[in-house]
Amino acid sequence: ERQLARLDADQVQAATLDPAALRERWNRRLLTLVEDFPKQPRN
């Protein structure tokens, strides 16, 4: 729920945000999730 709220907020603003900065933000978030919860890499 927390990550979807962040994702939805970014999606609403996507047209006005820098795509490179947005990609970097989500790159960091996804890496953090994999590091925090490493047992399910199938997705």
PDB file of all heavy atoms in Angstrom:
ATOM      1  N   GLU A   1       0.824  -1.213   0.000  1.00  0.00           N
ATOM      2  CA  GLU A   1       0.000   0.000   0.000  1.00  0.00           C
ATOM      3  C   GLU A   1       0.860   1.265   0.000  1.00  0.00           C
ATOM      4  O   GLU A   1       0.559   2.225  -0.707  1.00  0.00           O
ATOM      5  CB  GLU A   1      -0.937  -0.011   1.212  1.00  0.00           C
ATOM      6  CG  GLU A   1      -2.031  -1.050   1.094  1.00  0.00           C
ATOM      7  CD  GLU A   1      -2.843  -1.223   2.359  1.00  0.00           C
ATOM      8  OE1 GLU A   1      -2.626  -0.474   3.349  1.00  0.00           O
ATOM      9  OE2 GLU A   1      -3.701  -2.126   2.390  1.00  0.00           O
ATOM     10  N   ARG A   2       1.938   1.238   0.757  1.00  0.00           N
ATOM     11  CA  ARG A   2       2.829   2.398   0.829  1.00  0.00           C
ATOM     12  C   ARG A   2       3.496   2.666  -0.528  1.00  0.00           C
ATOM     13  O   ARG A   2       3.513   3.794  -1.011  1.00  0.00           O
ATOM     14  CB  ARG A   2       3.888   2.155   1.903  1.00  0.00           C
ATOM     15  CG  ARG A   2       4.782   3.339   2.175  1.00  0.00           C
ATOM     16  CD  ARG A   2       5.598   3.109   3.444  1.00  0.00           C
ATOM     17  NE  ARG A   2       6.620   2.105   3.285  1.00  0.00           N
ATOM     18  CZ  ARG A   2       7.879   2.379   2.946  1.00  0.00           C
ATOM     19  NH1 ARG A   2       8.252   3.617   2.738  1.00  0.00           N
ATOM     20  NH2 ARG A   2       8.764   1.412   2.832  1.00  0.00           N
ATOM     21  N   GLN A   3       3.989   1.614  -1.155  1.00  0.00           N
ATOM     22  CA  GLN A   3       4.656   1.785  -2.445  1.00  0.00           C
ATOM     23  C   GLN A   3       3.661   2.157  -3.547  1.00  0.00           C
ATOM     24  O   GLN A   3       3.972   2.966  -4.430  1.00  0.00           O
ATOM     25  CB  GLN A   3       5.439   0.524  -2.834  1.00  0.00           C
ATOM     26  CG  GLN A   3       6.606   0.222  -1.934  1.00  0.00           C
ATOM     27  CD  GLN A   3       7.666   1.311  -1.934  1.00  0.00           C
ATOM     28  OE1 GLN A   3       7.814   2.087  -2.868  1.00  0.00           O
ATOM     29  NE2 GLN A   3       8.415   1.381  -0.852  1.00  0.00           N
ATOM     30  N   LEU A   4       2.464   1.591  -3.508  1.00  0.00           N
ATOM     31  CA  LEU A   4       1.454   1.951  -4.510  1.00  0.00           C
ATOM     32  C   LEU A   4       1.015   3.403  -4.357  1.00  0.00           C
ATOM     33  O   LEU A   4       0.768   4.085  -5.350  1.00  0.00           O
ATOM     34  CB  LEU A   4       0.245   1.010  -4.436  1.00  0.00           C
ATOM     35  CG  LEU A   4       0.474  -0.375  -5.040  1.00  0.00           C
ATOM     36  CD1 LEU A   4      -0.756  -1.250  -4.817  1.00  0.00           C
ATOM     37  CD2 LEU A   4       0.819  -0.295  -6.517  1.00  0.00           C
ATOM     38  N   ALA A   5       0.935   3.884  -3.129  1.00  0.00           N
ATOM     39  CA  ALA A   5       0.598   5.301  -2.913  1.00  0.00           C
ATOM     40  C   ALA A   5       1.677   6.193  -3.531  1.00  0.00           C
ATOM     41  O   ALA A   5       1.371   7.193  -4.190  1.00  0.00           O
ATOM     42  CB  ALA A   5       0.436   5.595  -1.422  1.00  0.00           C
ATOM     43  N   ARG A   6       2.936   5.821  -3.334  1.00  0.00           N
ATOM     44  CA  ARG A   6       4.038   6.575  -3.950  1.00  0.00           C
ATOM     45  C   ARG A   6       3.960   6.499  -5.476  1.00  0.00           C
ATOM     46  O   ARG A   6       4.148   7.493  -6.173  1.00  0.00           O
ATOM     47  CB  ARG A   6       5.383   6.005  -3.503  1.00  0.00           C
ATOM     48  CG  ARG A   6       5.741   6.297  -2.093  1.00  0.00           C
ATOM     49  CD  ARG A   6       7.029   5.602  -1.739  1.00  0.00           C
ATOM     50  NE  ARG A   6       7.552   6.115  -0.487  1.00  0.00           N
ATOM     51  CZ  ARG A   6       8.617   5.621   0.099  1.00  0.00           C
ATOM     52  NH1 ARG A   6       9.285   4.622  -0.436  1.00  0.00           N
ATOM     53  NH2 ARG A   6       9.051   6.138   1.239  1.00  0.00           N
ATOM     54  N   LEU A   7       3.709   5.302  -5.961  1.00  0.00           N
ATOM     55  CA  LEU A   7       3.641   5.095  -7.407  1.00  0.00           C
ATOM     56  C   LEU A   7       2.503   5.907  -8.015  1.00  0.00           C
ATOM     57  O   LEU A   7       2.679   6.572  -9.042  1.00  0.00           O
ATOM     58  CB  LEU A   7       3.459   3.604  -7.694  1.00  0.00           C
ATOM     59  CG  LEU A   7       3.530   3.169  -9.138  1.00  0.00           C
ATOM     60  CD1 LEU A   7       4.892   3.469  -9.742  1.00  0.00           C
ATOM     61  CD2 LEU A   7       3.228   1.681  -9.232  1.00  0.00           C
ATOM     62  N   ASP A   8       1.344   5.867  -7.376  1.00  0.00           N
ATOM     63  CA  ASP A   8       0.193   6.611  -7.882  1.00  0.00           C
ATOM     64  C   ASP A   8       0.450   8.120  -7.875  1.00  0.00           C
ATOM     65  O   ASP A   8       0.085   8.824  -8.817  1.00  0.00           O
ATOM     66  CB  ASP A   8      -1.064   6.277  -7.071  1.00  0.00           C
ATOM     67  CG  ASP A   8      -1.543   4.858  -7.316  1.00  0.00           C
ATOM     68  OD1 ASP A   8      -1.183   4.258  -8.348  1.00  0.00           O
ATOM     69  OD2 ASP A   8      -2.281   4.339  -6.451  1.00  0.00           O
ATOM     70  N   ALA A   9       1.107   8.598  -6.828  1.00  0.00           N
ATOM     71  CA  ALA A   9       1.431  10.029  -6.756  1.00  0.00           C
ATOM     72  C   ALA A   9       2.378  10.416  -7.890  1.00  0.00           C
ATOM     73  O   ALA A   9       2.203  11.457  -8.540  1.00  0.00           O
ATOM     74  CB  ALA A   9       2.048  10.363  -5.403  1.00  0.00           C
ATOM     75  N   ASP A  10       3.375   9.576  -8.160  1.00  0.00           N
ATOM     76  CA  ASP A  10       4.303   9.862  -9.257  1.00  0.00           C
ATOM     77  C   ASP A  10       3.609   9.763 -10.610  1.00  0.00           C
ATOM     78  O   ASP A  10       3.876  10.554 -11.513  1.00  0.00           O
ATOM     79  CB  ASP A  10       5.496   8.910  -9.214  1.00  0.00           C
ATOM     80  CG  ASP A  10       6.506   9.283  -8.144  1.00  0.00           C
ATOM     81  OD1 ASP A  10       6.397  10.398  -7.576  1.00  0.00           O
ATOM     82  OD2 ASP A  10       7.408   8.468  -7.880  1.00  0.00           O
ATOM     83  N   GLN A  11       2.711   8.811 -10.745  1.00  0.00           N
ATOM     84  CA  GLN A  11       2.015   8.641 -12.018  1.00  0.00           C
ATOM     85  C   GLN A  11       1.162   9.863 -12.342  1.00  0.00           C
ATOM     86  O   GLN A  11       1.128  10.326 -13.474  1.00  0.00           O
ATOM     87  CB  GLN A  11       1.157   7.368 -11.985  1.00  0.00           C
ATOM     88  CG  GLN A  11       0.601   6.963 -13.324  1.00  0.00           C
ATOM     89  CD  GLN A  11      -0.775   7.537 -13.611  1.00  0.00           C
ATOM     90  OE1 GLN A  11      -1.537   7.850 -12.693  1.00  0.00           O
ATOM     91  NE2 GLN A  11      -1.092   7.683 -14.872  1.00  0.00           N
ATOM     92  N   VAL A  12       0.504  10.417 -11.350  1.00  0.00           N
ATOM     93  CA  VAL A  12      -0.335  11.603 -11.548  1.00  0.00           C
ATOM     94  C   VAL A  12       0.514  12.781 -12.026  1.00  0.00           C
ATOM     95  O   VAL A  12       0.083  13.578 -12.850  1.00  0.00           O
ATOM     96  CB  VAL A  12      -1.084  11.961 -10.241  1.00  0.00           C
ATOM     97  CG1 VAL A  12      -1.714  13.335 -10.310  1.00  0.00           C
ATOM     98  CG2 VAL A  12      -2.139  10.905  -9.936  1.00  0.00           C
ATOM     99  N   GLN A  13       1.739  12.856 -11.528  1.00  0.00           N
ATOM    100  CA  GLN A  13       2.625  13.970 -11.870  1.00  0.00           C
ATOM    101  C   GLN A  13       3.616  13.635 -12.990  1.00  0.00           C
ATOM    102  O   GLN A  13       4.463  14.462 -13.325  1.00  0.00           O
ATOM    103  CB  GLN A  13       3.444  14.368 -10.637  1.00  0.00           C
ATOM    104  CG  GLN A  13       2.615  14.789  -9.453  1.00  0.00           C
ATOM    105  CD  GLN A  13       3.519  15.034  -8.263  1.00  0.00           C
ATOM    106  OE1 GLN A  13       4.495  15.760  -8.355  1.00  0.00           O
ATOM    107  NE2 GLN A  13       3.195  14.414  -7.149  1.00  0.00           N
ATOM    108  N   ALA A  14       3.542  12.464 -13.573  1.00  0.00           N
ATOM    109  CA  ALA A  14       4.556  11.985 -14.516  1.00  0.00           C
ATOM    110  C   ALA A  14       4.829  12.955 -15.658  1.00  0.00           C
ATOM    111  O   ALA A  14       5.973  13.126 -16.071  1.00  0.00           O
ATOM    112  CB  ALA A  14       4.161  10.618 -15.070  1.00  0.00           C
ATOM    113  N   ALA A  15       3.795  13.604 -16.156  1.00  0.00           N
ATOM    114  CA  ALA A  15       3.980  14.506 -17.290  1.00  0.00           C
ATOM    115  C   ALA A  15       4.794  15.746 -16.918  1.00  0.00           C
ATOM    116  O   ALA A  15       5.394  16.369 -17.785  1.00  0.00           O
ATOM    117  CB  ALA A  15       2.626  14.917 -17.857  1.00  0.00           C
ATOM    118  N   THR A  16       4.844  16.079 -15.636  1.00  0.00           N
ATOM    119  CA  THR A  16       5.559  17.286 -15.221  1.00  0.00           C
ATOM    120  C   THR A  16       6.894  16.991 -14.531  1.00  0.00           C
ATOM    121  O   THR A  16       7.639  17.918 -14.227  1.00  0.00           O
ATOM    122  CB  THR A  16       4.693  18.130 -14.254  1.00  0.00           C
ATOM    123  OG1 THR A  16       4.422  17.358 -13.087  1.00  0.00           O
ATOM    124  CG2 THR A  16       3.394  18.549 -14.929  1.00  0.00           C
ATOM    125  N   LEU A  17       7.192  15.730 -14.282  1.00  0.00           N
ATOM    126  CA  LEU A  17       8.436  15.350 -13.616  1.00  0.00           C
ATOM    127  C   LEU A  17       9.505  14.986 -14.640  1.00  0.00           C
ATOM    128  O   LEU A  17       9.191  14.530 -15.741  1.00  0.00           O
ATOM    129  CB  LEU A  17       8.197  14.171 -12.672  1.00  0.00           C
ATOM    130  CG  LEU A  17       7.246  14.408 -11.512  1.00  0.00           C
ATOM    131  CD1 LEU A  17       6.971  13.105 -10.771  1.00  0.00           C
ATOM    132  CD2 LEU A  17       7.821  15.434 -10.551  1.00  0.00           C
ATOM    133  N   ASP A  18      10.755  15.162 -14.269  1.00  0.00           N
ATOM    134  CA  ASP A  18      11.874  14.770 -15.117  1.00  0.00           C
ATOM    135  C   ASP A  18      11.913  13.239 -15.199  1.00  0.00           C
ATOM    136  O   ASP A  18      12.069  12.571 -14.167  1.00  0.00           O
ATOM    137  CB  ASP A  18      13.175  15.312 -14.523  1.00  0.00           C
ATOM    138  CG  ASP A  18      14.399  14.826 -15.264  1.00  0.00           C
ATOM    139  OD1 ASP A  18      14.326  14.648 -16.494  1.00  0.00           O
ATOM    140  OD2 ASP A  18      15.442  14.627 -14.601  1.00  0.00           O
ATOM    141  N   PRO A  19      11.769  12.666 -16.400  1.00  0.00           N
ATOM    142  CA  PRO A  19      11.745  11.200 -16.522  1.00  0.00           C
ATOM    143  C   PRO A  19      13.004  10.525 -15.975  1.00  0.00           C
ATOM    144  O   PRO A  19      12.919   9.473 -15.355  1.00  0.00           O
ATOM    145  CB  PRO A  19      11.606  10.959 -18.025  1.00  0.00           C
ATOM    146  CG  PRO A  19      11.045  12.220 -18.572  1.00  0.00           C
ATOM    147  CD  PRO A  19      11.543  13.321 -17.687  1.00  0.00           C
ATOM    148  N   ALA A  20      14.168  11.133 -16.183  1.00  0.00           N
ATOM    149  CA  ALA A  20      15.413  10.528 -15.684  1.00  0.00           C
ATOM    150  C   ALA A  20      15.421  10.488 -14.154  1.00  0.00           C
ATOM    151  O   ALA A  20      15.820   9.483 -13.554  1.00  0.00           O
ATOM    152  CB  ALA A  20      16.621  11.297 -16.208  1.00  0.00           C
ATOM    153  N   ALA A  21      14.983  11.558 -13.529  1.00  0.00           N
ATOM    154  CA  ALA A  21      14.925  11.599 -12.065  1.00  0.00           C
ATOM    155  C   ALA A  21      13.900  10.601 -11.539  1.00  0.00           C
ATOM    156  O   ALA A  21      14.127   9.938 -10.513  1.00  0.00           O
ATOM    157  CB  ALA A  21      14.587  13.009 -11.589  1.00  0.00           C
ATOM    158  N   LEU A  22      12.796  10.473 -12.233  1.00  0.00           N
ATOM    159  CA  LEU A  22      11.761   9.527 -11.835  1.00  0.00           C
ATOM    160  C   LEU A  22      12.266   8.088 -11.968  1.00  0.00           C
ATOM    161  O   LEU A  22      12.050   7.259 -11.076  1.00  0.00           O
ATOM    162  CB  LEU A  22      10.520   9.747 -12.705  1.00  0.00           C
ATOM    163  CG  LEU A  22       9.191   9.252 -12.216  1.00  0.00           C
ATOM    164  CD1 LEU A  22       8.880   9.715 -10.812  1.00  0.00           C
ATOM    165  CD2 LEU A  22       8.091   9.701 -13.171  1.00  0.00           C
ATOM    166  N   ARG A  23      12.958   7.793 -13.066  1.00  0.00           N
ATOM    167  CA  ARG A  23      13.532   6.454 -13.236  1.00  0.00           C
ATOM    168  C   ARG A  23      14.540   6.153 -12.119  1.00  0.00           C
ATOM    169  O   ARG A  23      14.543   5.055 -11.563  1.00  0.00           O
ATOM    170  CB  ARG A  23      14.228   6.322 -14.599  1.00  0.00           C
ATOM    171  CG  ARG A  23      13.283   6.053 -15.739  1.00  0.00           C
ATOM    172  CD  ARG A  23      14.021   5.679 -17.002  1.00  0.00           C
ATOM    173  NE  ARG A  23      14.990   6.686 -17.423  1.00  0.00           N
ATOM    174  CZ  ARG A  23      14.709   7.731 -18.184  1.00  0.00           C
ATOM    175  NH1 ARG A  23      13.478   7.915 -18.622  1.00  0.00           N
ATOM    176  NH2 ARG A  23      15.655   8.583 -18.524  1.00  0.00           N
ATOM    177  N   GLU A  24      15.383   7.117 -11.798  1.00  0.00           N
ATOM    178  CA  GLU A  24      16.376   6.924 -10.734  1.00  0.00           C
ATOM    179  C   GLU A  24      15.686   6.689  -9.391  1.00  0.00           C
ATOM    180  O   GLU A  24      16.088   5.828  -8.611  1.00  0.00           O
ATOM    181  CB  GLU A  24      17.318   8.126 -10.658  1.00  0.00           C
ATOM    182  CG  GLU A  24      18.362   8.018  -9.580  1.00  0.00           C
ATOM    183  CD  GLU A  24      19.255   6.797  -9.689  1.00  0.00           C
ATOM    184  OE1 GLU A  24      19.500   6.299 -10.819  1.00  0.00           O
ATOM    185  OE2 GLU A  24      19.703   6.290  -8.642  1.00  0.00           O
ATOM    186  N   ARG A  25      14.637   7.438  -9.115  1.00  0.00           N
ATOM    187  CA  ARG A  25      13.883   7.264  -7.864  1.00  0.00           C
ATOM    188  C   ARG A  25      13.350   5.843  -7.757  1.00  0.00           C
ATOM    189  O   ARG A  25      13.493   5.180  -6.732  1.00  0.00           O
ATOM    190  CB  ARG A  25      12.731   8.267  -7.815  1.00  0.00           C
ATOM    191  CG  ARG A  25      11.861   8.135  -6.571  1.00  0.00           C
ATOM    192  CD  ARG A  25      10.654   9.045  -6.615  1.00  0.00           C
ATOM    193  NE  ARG A  25      11.053  10.418  -6.850  1.00  0.00           N
ATOM    194  CZ  ARG A  25      10.220  11.390  -7.214  1.00  0.00           C
ATOM    195  NH1 ARG A  25       8.937  11.134  -7.384  1.00  0.00           N
ATOM    196  NH2 ARG A  25      10.648  12.608  -7.398  1.00  0.00           N
ATOM    197  N   TRP A  26      12.726   5.359  -8.842  1.00  0.00           N
ATOM    198  CA  TRP A  26      12.145   4.023  -8.801  1.00  0.00           C
ATOM    199  C   TRP A  26      13.213   2.945  -8.872  1.00  0.00           C
ATOM    200  O   TRP A  26      13.046   1.858  -8.306  1.00  0.00           O
ATOM    201  CB  TRP A  26      11.049   3.854  -9.863  1.00  0.00           C
ATOM    202  CG  TRP A  26       9.820   4.502  -9.329  1.00  0.00           C
ATOM    203  CD1 TRP A  26       9.339   5.749  -9.618  1.00  0.00           C
ATOM    204  CD2 TRP A  26       8.988   3.985  -8.295  1.00  0.00           C
ATOM    205  NE1 TRP A  26       8.243   6.017  -8.830  1.00  0.00           N
ATOM    206  CE2 TRP A  26       8.001   4.951  -8.018  1.00  0.00           C
ATOM    207  CE3 TRP A  26       8.970   2.803  -7.581  1.00  0.00           C
ATOM    208  CZ2 TRP A  26       7.018   4.753  -7.057  1.00  0.00           C
ATOM    209  CZ3 TRP A  26       7.991   2.602  -6.620  1.00  0.00           C
ATOM    210  CH2 TRP A  26       7.025   3.577  -6.375  1.00  0.00           C
ATOM    211  N   ASN A  27      14.314   3.217  -9.498  1.00  0.00           N
ATOM    212  CA  ASN A  27      15.432   2.279  -9.489  1.00  0.00           C
ATOM    213  C   ASN A  27      15.894   2.054  -8.044  1.00  0.00           C
ATOM    214  O   ASN A  27      16.069   0.917  -7.597  1.00  0.00           O
ATOM    215  CB  ASN A  27      16.570   2.824 -10.355  1.00  0.00           C
ATOM    216  CG  ASN A  27      17.694   1.838 -10.509  1.00  0.00           C
ATOM    217  OD1 ASN A  27      17.477   0.633 -10.584  1.00  0.00           O
ATOM    218  ND2 ASN A  27      18.902   2.337 -10.560  1.00  0.00           N
ATOM    219  N   ARG A  28      16.079   3.134  -7.302  1.00  0.00           N
ATOM    220  CA  ARG A  28      16.499   3.025  -5.894  1.00  0.00           C
ATOM    221  C   ARG A  28      15.447   2.285  -5.066  1.00  0.00           C
ATOM    222  O   ARG A  28      15.782   1.435  -4.233  1.00  0.00           O
ATOM    223  CB  ARG A  28      16.753   4.408  -5.294  1.00  0.00           C
ATOM    224  CG  ARG A  28      18.035   5.051  -5.747  1.00  0.00           C
ATOM    225  CD  ARG A  28      18.368   6.307  -4.952  1.00  0.00           C
ATOM    226  NE  ARG A  28      17.248   7.197  -4.712  1.00  0.00           N
ATOM    227  CZ  ARG A  28      16.890   8.205  -5.517  1.00  0.00           C
ATOM    228  NH1 ARG A  28      17.561   8.443  -6.615  1.00  0.00           N
ATOM    229  NH2 ARG A  28      15.860   8.966  -5.219  1.00  0.00           N
ATOM    230  N   ARG A  29      14.190   2.602  -5.276  1.00  0.00           N
ATOM    231  CA  ARG A  29      13.128   1.955  -4.489  1.00  0.00           C
ATOM    232  C   ARG A  29      13.058   0.458  -4.774  1.00  0.00           C
ATOM    233  O   ARG A  29      12.902  -0.351  -3.860  1.00  0.00           O
ATOM    234  CB  ARG A  29      11.778   2.612  -4.778  1.00  0.00           C
ATOM    235  CG  ARG A  29      11.660   3.967  -4.139  1.00  0.00           C
ATOM    236  CD  ARG A  29      10.329   4.607  -4.415  1.00  0.00           C
ATOM    237  NE  ARG A  29      10.269   5.915  -3.765  1.00  0.00           N
ATOM    238  CZ  ARG A  29       9.410   6.848  -4.089  1.00  0.00           C
ATOM    239  NH1 ARG A  29       8.516   6.630  -5.044  1.00  0.00           N
ATOM    240  NH2 ARG A  29       9.416   8.003  -3.464  1.00  0.00           N
ATOM    241  N   LEU A  30      13.169   0.088  -6.045  1.00  0.00           N
ATOM    242  CA  LEU A  30      13.110  -1.334  -6.401  1.00  0.00           C
ATOM    243  C   LEU A  30      14.310  -2.084  -5.840  1.00  0.00           C
ATOM    244  O   LEU A  30      14.165  -3.199  -5.319  1.00  0.00           O
ATOM    245  CB  LEU A  30      13.020  -1.494  -7.920  1.00  0.00           C
ATOM    246  CG  LEU A  30      11.723  -0.982  -8.546  1.00  0.00           C
ATOM    247  CD1 LEU A  30      11.825  -0.988 -10.063  1.00  0.00           C
ATOM    248  CD2 LEU A  30      10.523  -1.788  -8.073  1.00  0.00           C
ATOM    249  N   LEU A  31      15.496  -1.490  -5.928  1.00  0.00           N
ATOM    250  CA  LEU A  31      16.672  -2.141  -5.350  1.00  0.00           C
ATOM    251  C   LEU A  31      16.531  -2.308  -3.845  1.00  0.00           C
ATOM    252  O   LEU A  31      16.891  -3.354  -3.290  1.00  0.00           O
ATOM    253  CB  LEU A  31      17.934  -1.333  -5.668  1.00  0.00           C
ATOM    254  CG  LEU A  31      18.515  -1.552  -7.053  1.00  0.00           C
ATOM    255  CD1 LEU A  31      19.647  -0.572  -7.309  1.00  0.00           C
ATOM    256  CD2 LEU A  31      18.983  -2.983  -7.228  1.00  0.00           C
ATOM    257  N   THR A  32      15.994  -1.299  -3.194  1.00  0.00           N
ATOM    258  CA  THR A  32      15.791  -1.385  -1.744  1.00  0.00           C
ATOM    259  C   THR A  32      14.828  -2.519  -1.404  1.00  0.00           C
ATOM    260  O   THR A  32      15.064  -3.289  -0.468  1.00  0.00           O
ATOM    261  CB  THR A  32      15.261  -0.051  -1.188  1.00  0.00           C
ATOM    262  OG1 THR A  32      16.239   0.954  -1.452  1.00  0.00           O
ATOM    263  CG2 THR A  32      14.997  -0.133   0.306  1.00  0.00           C
ATOM    264  N   LEU A  33      13.761  -2.653  -2.170  1.00  0.00           N
ATOM    265  CA  LEU A  33      12.804  -3.733  -1.920  1.00  0.00           C
ATOM    266  C   LEU A  33      13.448  -5.101  -2.108  1.00  0.00           C
ATOM    267  O   LEU A  33      13.206  -6.019  -1.337  1.00  0.00           O
ATOM    268  CB  LEU A  33      11.594  -3.593  -2.844  1.00  0.00           C
ATOM    269  CG  LEU A  33      10.582  -2.554  -2.424  1.00  0.00           C
ATOM    270  CD1 LEU A  33       9.575  -2.313  -3.545  1.00  0.00           C
ATOM    271  CD2 LEU A  33       9.858  -2.988  -1.161  1.00  0.00           C
ATOM    272  N   VAL A  34      14.265  -5.236  -3.150  1.00  0.00           N
ATOM    273  CA  VAL A  34      14.933  -6.515  -3.382  1.00  0.00           C
ATOM    274  C   VAL A  34      15.898  -6.823  -2.244  1.00  0.00           C
ATOM    275  O   VAL A  34      15.988  -7.957  -1.790  1.00  0.00           O
ATOM    276  CB  VAL A  34      15.673  -6.508  -4.735  1.00  0.00           C
ATOM    277  CG1 VAL A  34      16.588  -7.708  -4.872  1.00  0.00           C
ATOM    278  CG2 VAL A  34      14.672  -6.489  -5.868  1.00  0.00           C
ATOM    279  N   GLU A  35      16.613  -5.809  -1.772  1.00  0.00           N
ATOM    280  CA  GLU A  35      17.537  -6.013  -0.660  1.00  0.00           C
ATOM    281  C   GLU A  35      16.788  -6.352   0.627  1.00  0.00           C
ATOM    282  O   GLU A  35      17.218  -7.212   1.394  1.00  0.00           O
ATOM    283  CB  GLU A  35      18.394  -4.773  -0.452  1.00  0.00           C
ATOM    284  CG  GLU A  35      19.397  -4.566  -1.564  1.00  0.00           C
ATOM    285  CD  GLU A  35      20.077  -3.206  -1.513  1.00  0.00           C
ATOM    286  OE1 GLU A  35      19.725  -2.374  -0.648  1.00  0.00           O
ATOM    287  OE2 GLU A  35      20.955  -2.971  -2.348  1.00  0.00           O
ATOM    288  N   ASP A  36      15.665  -5.689   0.853  1.00  0.00           N
ATOM    289  CA  ASP A  36      14.896  -5.929   2.076  1.00  0.00           C
ATOM    290  C   ASP A  36      14.128  -7.247   2.040  1.00  0.00           C
ATOM    291  O   ASP A  36      13.904  -7.864   3.077  1.00  0.00           O
ATOM    292  CB  ASP A  36      13.907  -4.787   2.322  1.00  0.00           C
ATOM    293  CG  ASP A  36      14.600  -3.488   2.709  1.00  0.00           C
ATOM    294  OD1 ASP A  36      15.815  -3.518   3.014  1.00  0.00           O
ATOM    295  OD2 ASP A  36      13.925  -2.447   2.696  1.00  0.00           O
ATOM    296  N   PHE A  37      13.708  -7.666   0.871  1.00  0.00           N
ATOM    297  CA  PHE A  37      12.890  -8.878   0.721  1.00  0.00           C
ATOM    298  C   PHE A  37      13.444  -9.731  -0.426  1.00  0.00           C
ATOM    299  O   PHE A  37      12.835  -9.846  -1.484  1.00  0.00           O
ATOM    300  CB  PHE A  37      11.425  -8.500   0.442  1.00  0.00           C
ATOM    301  CG  PHE A  37      10.876  -7.523   1.433  1.00  0.00           C
ATOM    302  CD1 PHE A  37      10.731  -6.178   1.102  1.00  0.00           C
ATOM    303  CD2 PHE A  37      10.518  -7.931   2.708  1.00  0.00           C
ATOM    304  CE1 PHE A  37      10.232  -5.267   2.012  1.00  0.00           C
ATOM    305  CE2 PHE A  37      10.021  -7.020   3.630  1.00  0.00           C
ATOM    306  CZ  PHE A  37       9.881  -5.691   3.286  1.00  0.00           C
ATOM    307  N   PRO A  38      14.609 -10.365  -0.226  1.00  0.00           N
ATOM    308  CA  PRO A  38      15.320 -11.027  -1.321  1.00  0.00           C
ATOM    309  C   PRO A  38      14.795 -12.397  -1.744  1.00  0.00           C
ATOM    310  O   PRO A  38      15.254 -12.938  -2.731  1.00  0.00           O
ATOM    311  CB  PRO A  38      16.734 -11.179  -0.752  1.00  0.00           C
ATOM    312  CG  PRO A  38      16.520 -11.315   0.709  1.00  0.00           C
ATOM    313  CD  PRO A  38      15.354 -10.412   1.019  1.00  0.00           C
ATOM    314  N   LYS A  39      13.843 -12.953  -1.067  1.00  0.00           N
ATOM    315  CA  LYS A  39      13.483 -14.346  -1.318  1.00  0.00           C
ATOM    316  C   LYS A  39      12.510 -14.579  -2.462  1.00  0.00           C
ATOM    317  O   LYS A  39      12.171 -15.707  -2.742  1.00  0.00           O
ATOM    318  CB  LYS A  39      12.928 -14.966  -0.044  1.00  0.00           C
ATOM    319  CG  LYS A  39      13.975 -15.052   1.032  1.00  0.00           C
ATOM    320  CD  LYS A  39      13.635 -16.107   2.007  1.00  0.00           C
ATOM    321  CE  LYS A  39      14.751 -16.158   3.025  1.00  0.00           C
ATOM    322  NZ  LYS A  39      15.047 -17.442   3.487  1.00  0.00           N
ATOM    323  N   GLN A  40      12.040 -13.534  -3.117  1.00  0.00           N
ATOM    324  CA  GLN A  40      11.049 -13.745  -4.164  1.00  0.00           C
ATOM    325  C   GLN A  40      11.462 -13.057  -5.464  1.00  0.00           C
ATOM    326  O   GLN A  40      10.797 -12.135  -5.913  1.00  0.00           O
ATOM    327  CB  GLN A  40       9.698 -13.223  -3.715  1.00  0.00           C
ATOM    328  CG  GLN A  40       9.170 -13.942  -2.502  1.00  0.00           C
ATOM    329  CD  GLN A  40       7.845 -13.364  -2.061  1.00  0.00           C
ATOM    330  OE1 GLN A  40       7.202 -12.629  -2.772  1.00  0.00           O
ATOM    331  NE2 GLN A  40       7.422 -13.701  -0.877  1.00  0.00           N
ATOM    332  N   PRO A  41      12.513 -13.514  -6.121  1.00  0.00           N
ATOM    333  CA  PRO A  41      12.981 -12.843  -7.329  1.00  0.00           C
ATOM    334  C   PRO A  41      12.214 -13.197  -8.599  1.00  0.00           C
ATOM    335  O   PRO A  41      12.497 -12.665  -9.649  1.00  0.00           O
ATOM    336  CB  PRO A  41      14.431 -13.326  -7.436  1.00  0.00           C
ATOM    337  CG  PRO A  41      14.383 -14.694  -6.851  1.00  0.00           C
ATOM    338  CD  PRO A  41      13.380 -14.598  -5.718  1.00  0.00           C
ATOM    339  N   ARG A  42      11.224 -14.062  -8.515  1.00  0.00           N
ATOM    340  CA  ARG A  42      10.579 -14.534  -9.742  1.00  0.00           C
ATOM    341  C   ARG A  42       9.868 -13.429 -10.527  1.00  0.00           C
ATOM    342  O   ARG A  42       9.685 -13.544 -11.722  1.00  0.00           O
ATOM    343  CB  ARG A  42       9.643 -15.688  -9.439  1.00  0.00           C
ATOM    344  CG  ARG A  42       8.511 -15.353  -8.512  1.00  0.00           C
ATOM    345  CD  ARG A  42       7.676 -16.610  -8.234  1.00  0.00           C
ATOM    346  NE  ARG A  42       6.776 -16.345  -7.139  1.00  0.00           N
ATOM    347  CZ  ARG A  42       6.964 -16.744  -5.902  1.00  0.00           C
ATOM    348  NH1 ARG A  42       8.015 -17.452  -5.594  1.00  0.00           N
ATOM    349  NH2 ARG A  42       6.097 -16.455  -4.966  1.00  0.00           N
ATOM    350  N   ASN A  43       9.458 -12.352  -9.873  1.00  0.00           N
ATOM    351  CA  ASN A  43       8.791 -11.269 -10.605  1.00  0.00           C
ATOM    352  C   ASN A  43       9.735 -10.508 -11.520  1.00  0.00           C
ATOM    353  O   ASN A  43       9.294  -9.781 -12.390  1.00  0.00           O
ATOM    354  CB  ASN A  43       8.135 -10.283  -9.638  1.00  0.00           C
ATOM    355  CG  ASN A  43       6.888 -10.844  -9.008  1.00  0.00           C
ATOM    356  OD1 ASN A  43       6.471 -11.947  -9.308  1.00  0.00           O
ATOM    357  ND2 ASN A  43       6.286 -10.086  -8.122  1.00  0.00           N
TER     358      ASN A  43
END
